[in-house]
C-alpha atoms as a PDB file:
ATOM      1  CA  MET A   1      71.516 125.663 120.357  1.00  0.00           C
ATOM      2  CA  THR A   2      70.876 128.651 122.655  1.00  0.00           C
ATOM      3  CA  LYS A   3      72.636 131.873 122.674  1.00  0.00           C
ATOM      4  CA  GLU A   4      73.987 130.877 126.125  1.00  0.00           C
ATOM      5  CA  LYS A   5      76.033 127.994 124.594  1.00  0.00           C
ATOM      6  CA  ASP A   6      77.285 130.285 121.794  1.00  0.00           C
ATOM      7  CA  VAL A   7      78.781 132.648 124.220  1.00  0.00           C
ATOM      8  CA  ASN A   8      80.247 130.043 126.164  1.00  0.00           C
ATOM      9  CA  VAL A   9      82.010 128.430 123.149  1.00  0.00           C
ATOM     10  CA  GLY A  10      83.037 131.909 121.941  1.00  0.00           C
ATOM     11  CA  GLU A  11      84.514 132.757 125.317  1.00  0.00           C
ATOM     12  CA  LEU A  12      86.220 129.521 125.594  1.00  0.00           C
ATOM     13  CA  LEU A  13      87.738 130.209 122.226  1.00  0.00           C
ATOM     14  CA  LEU A  14      89.049 133.701 123.216  1.00  0.00           C
ATOM     15  CA  GLN A  15      90.471 132.264 126.314  1.00  0.00           C
ATOM     16  CA  SER A  16      92.356 129.671 124.542  1.00  0.00           C
ATOM     17  CA  VAL A  17      93.783 132.468 122.230  1.00  0.00           C
ATOM     18  CA  ARG A  18      94.741 134.386 125.210  1.00  0.00           C
ATOM     19  CA  GLU A  19      96.612 131.392 126.856  1.00  0.00           C
ATOM     20  CA  MET A  20      98.443 130.832 123.506  1.00  0.00           C
ATOM     21  CA  LYS A  21      99.666 134.369 123.258  1.00  0.00           C
ATOM     22  CA  ALA A  22     100.684 134.306 126.751  1.00  0.00           C
ATOM     23  CA  GLY A  23     102.550 131.085 126.371  1.00  0.00           C
ATOM     24  CA  ILE A  24     100.272 129.130 128.935  1.00  0.00           C
ATOM     25  CA  ARG A  25      99.698 125.659 127.755  1.00  0.00           C
ATOM     26  CA  ALA A  26     102.079 125.972 124.929  1.00  0.00           C
ATOM     27  CA  ARG A  27     103.659 123.174 123.515  1.00  0.00           C
ATOM     28  CA  VAL A  28     107.004 123.198 121.926  1.00  0.00           C
ATOM     29  CA  THR A  29     107.956 120.144 119.607  1.00  0.00           C
ATOM     30  CA  THR A  30     111.548 119.823 118.528  1.00  0.00           C
ATOM     31  CA  PRO A  31     111.541 117.000 116.002  1.00  0.00           C
ATOM     32  CA  GLN A  32     114.616 114.529 115.854  1.00  0.00           C
ATOM     33  CA  LEU A  33     116.327 114.621 112.731  1.00  0.00           C
ATOM     34  CA  THR A  34     117.355 111.381 111.188  1.00  0.00           C
ATOM     35  CA  GLU A  35     121.079 110.930 110.356  1.00  0.00           C
ATOM     36  CA  VAL A  36     120.184 111.325 106.749  1.00  0.00           C
ATOM     37  CA  ALA A  37     118.484 114.523 107.214  1.00  0.00           C
ATOM     38  CA  GLN A  38     121.469 115.755 109.315  1.00  0.00           C
ATOM     39  CA  ALA A  39     123.725 114.579 106.424  1.00  0.00           C
ATOM     40  CA  ARG A  40     122.062 116.505 103.950  1.00  0.00           C
ATOM     41  CA  LEU A  41     121.554 119.632 105.997  1.00  0.00           C
ATOM     42  CA  ALA A  42     125.362 119.480 106.658  1.00  0.00           C
ATOM     43  CA  THR A  43     126.422 119.378 103.090  1.00  0.00           C
ATOM     44  CA  SER A  44     123.729 121.763 101.828  1.00  0.00           C
ATOM     45  CA  PHE A  45     122.594 119.127  99.391  1.00  0.00           C
ATOM     46  CA  THR A  46     119.104 118.906  97.912  1.00  0.00           C
ATOM     47  CA  GLN A  47     117.489 115.574  98.134  1.00  0.00           C
ATOM     48  CA  SER A  48     118.114 114.863  94.500  1.00  0.00           C
ATOM     49  CA  GLN A  49     121.731 115.829  94.892  1.00  0.00           C
ATOM     50  CA  LEU A  50     122.379 113.672  97.928  1.00  0.00           C
ATOM     51  CA  ALA A  51     120.428 110.697  96.310  1.00  0.00           C
ATOM     52  CA  ASN A  52     122.666 111.065  93.215  1.00  0.00           C
ATOM     53  CA  VAL A  53     125.774 110.942  95.153  1.00  0.00           C
ATOM     54  CA  MET A  54     124.705 107.923  97.043  1.00  0.00           C
ATOM     55  CA  GLY A  55     123.410 106.126  94.040  1.00  0.00           C
ATOM     56  CA  VAL A  56     119.933 105.668  95.240  1.00  0.00           C
ATOM     57  CA  SER A  57     116.541 107.072  94.156  1.00  0.00           C
ATOM     58  CA  VAL A  58     115.109 110.291  95.593  1.00  0.00           C
ATOM     59  CA  ARG A  59     112.257 108.191  96.893  1.00  0.00           C
ATOM     60  CA  THR A  60     114.733 105.889  98.710  1.00  0.00           C
ATOM     61  CA  LEU A  61     116.517 108.785 100.135  1.00  0.00           C
ATOM     62  CA  GLN A  62     112.941 110.212 101.376  1.00  0.00           C
ATOM     63  CA  ASP A  63     112.209 107.034 102.921  1.00  0.00           C
ATOM     64  CA  TRP A  64     115.402 107.118 104.799  1.00  0.00           C
ATOM     65  CA  GLU A  65     114.827 110.697 105.886  1.00  0.00           C
ATOM     66  CA  GLN A  66     111.294 109.980 107.296  1.00  0.00           C
ATOM     67  CA  GLY A  67     112.510 106.932 109.023  1.00  0.00           C
ATOM     68  CA  ARG A  68     110.355 104.500 106.792  1.00  0.00           C
ATOM     69  CA  ARG A  69     113.376 102.701 105.857  1.00  0.00           C
ATOM     70  CA  GLN A  70     116.897 102.211 106.897  1.00  0.00           C
ATOM     71  CA  PRO A  71     120.245 102.813 104.867  1.00  0.00           C
ATOM     72  CA  SER A  72     122.423  99.622 104.298  1.00  0.00           C
ATOM     73  CA  GLY A  73     125.903  99.683 106.177  1.00  0.00           C
ATOM     74  CA  ALA A  74     127.753 101.492 103.365  1.00  0.00           C
ATOM     75  CA  ALA A  75     125.286 104.199 102.989  1.00  0.00           C
ATOM     76  CA  LYS A  76     125.232 104.648 106.742  1.00  0.00           C
ATOM     77  CA  THR A  77     128.991 105.040 106.571  1.00  0.00           C
ATOM     78  CA  LEU A  78     128.925 107.754 104.059  1.00  0.00           C
ATOM     79  CA  LEU A  79     126.232 109.594 105.927  1.00  0.00           C
ATOM     80  CA  ARG A  80     128.394 109.550 109.087  1.00  0.00           C
ATOM     81  CA  VAL A  81     131.230 111.130 106.916  1.00  0.00           C
ATOM     82  CA  ALA A  82     128.783 113.465 105.458  1.00  0.00           C
ATOM     83  CA  CYS A  83     127.810 114.674 108.980  1.00  0.00           C
ATOM     84  CA  LYS A  84     131.280 114.868 110.324  1.00  0.00           C
ATOM     85  CA  HIS A  85     133.099 116.071 107.139  1.00  0.00           C
ATOM     86  CA  PRO A  86     130.494 117.627 104.728  1.00  0.00           C
ATOM     87  CA  ARG A  87     133.060 119.626 102.803  1.00  0.00           C
ATOM     88  CA  ILE A  88     134.935 116.446 101.997  1.00  0.00           C
ATOM     89  CA  VAL A  89     131.733 114.886 100.666  1.00  0.00           C
ATOM     90  CA  ARG A  90     130.810 117.954  98.629  1.00  0.00           C
ATOM     91  CA  GLU A  91     134.315 117.987  97.064  1.00  0.00           C
ATOM     92  CA  ALA A  92     134.199 114.379  96.274  1.00  0.00           C
ATOM     93  CA  ALA A  93     130.787 114.829  94.635  1.00  0.00           C
ATOM     94  CA  ASN A  94     132.340 117.765  92.683  1.00  0.00           C
ATOM     95  CA  VAL A  95     129.271 120.092  93.704  1.00  0.00           C
END
């Protein structure tokens, strides 16, 4: 490798850093939350707490949150209620 190539690589890296700081070529990603994650956030439950309330394992809840599996019909209904009325779900769970 010659010094000229080293300087060019270094200059390219500096240029990239300047562009990032200036917001040029910046990429903003907003992840879509699953209904399970939305319900958990709305109720302020931990994964363990929500899994306990729903009668499933934490691993199953994690699979739902990450989109690897889908909850059953009854679970989907409870999740919709949790999203729209988190206080009621918390009261019913005695948390």
